[in-house]
Amino acid sequence: MLSQGCSIENVSRMVGHSNIKQTQHYAKILAKSVVDDYMRVGQSLIENTTP
């Protein structure tokens, strides 16, 4: 939901977290996942375009 533009406050309420810190924890995991995927795809593009 966060990656689709929902605010962290609303996501926190939707999933029933009693403290927004819980949601922030998962948001950090999401951010790391995005960076990991970005790096993986970038590396693949480099490997496939290098003569």
Protein backbone atom coordinates (compact mmCIF):
# COMPACT_ATOMS: atom_id res chain seq x y z
CA MET A 1 0.00 0.00 0.00
CA LEU A 2 2.87 2.35 0.79
CA SER A 3 4.44 1.77 -2.60
CA GLN A 4 1.11 2.69 -4.20
CA GLY A 5 1.00 6.09 -2.48
CA CYS A 6 -1.06 5.50 0.66
CA SER A 7 0.09 7.55 3.62
CA ILE A 8 1.88 5.68 6.38
CA GLU A 9 -0.73 6.88 8.89
CA ASN A 10 -3.57 5.37 6.88
CA VAL A 11 -1.72 2.13 6.26
CA SER A 12 -1.02 1.89 9.99
CA ARG A 13 -4.72 2.21 10.75
CA MET A 14 -5.75 -0.21 7.99
CA VAL A 15 -3.50 -2.99 9.23
CA GLY A 16 -4.43 -2.41 12.86
CA HIS A 17 -1.09 -1.34 14.27
CA SER A 18 -1.48 0.28 17.67
CA ASN A 19 1.72 2.25 17.18
CA ILE A 20 2.94 3.84 13.94
CA LYS A 21 6.47 2.65 14.83
CA GLN A 22 5.33 -0.86 13.84
CA THR A 23 4.36 0.40 10.40
CA GLN A 24 7.60 2.36 10.08
CA HIS A 25 9.52 -0.85 10.74
CA TYR A 26 7.85 -2.51 7.75
CA ALA A 27 8.34 0.62 5.64
CA LYS A 28 12.10 0.32 6.20
CA ILE A 29 11.96 -3.27 5.00
CA LEU A 30 10.06 -2.07 1.93
CA ALA A 31 12.65 0.63 1.24
CA LYS A 32 15.47 -1.91 1.42
CA SER A 33 13.57 -4.24 -0.89
CA VAL A 34 13.11 -1.43 -3.42
CA VAL A 35 16.82 -0.59 -3.36
CA ASP A 36 17.78 -4.26 -3.70
CA ASP A 37 15.47 -4.70 -6.70
CA TYR A 38 16.71 -1.49 -8.29
CA MET A 39 20.33 -2.57 -7.98
CA ARG A 40 19.55 -6.05 -9.34
CA VAL A 41 17.72 -4.68 -12.38
CA GLY A 42 20.38 -2.03 -12.97
CA GLN A 43 23.11 -4.65 -12.93
CA SER A 44 21.13 -6.80 -15.34
CA LEU A 45 20.74 -3.87 -17.74
CA ILE A 46 24.46 -3.18 -17.61
CA GLU A 47 25.32 -6.80 -18.29
CA ASN A 48 22.90 -7.03 -21.21
CA THR A 49 24.03 -3.82 -22.93
CA THR A 50 27.79 -4.21 -22.60
CA PRO A 51 29.34 -5.29 -25.94
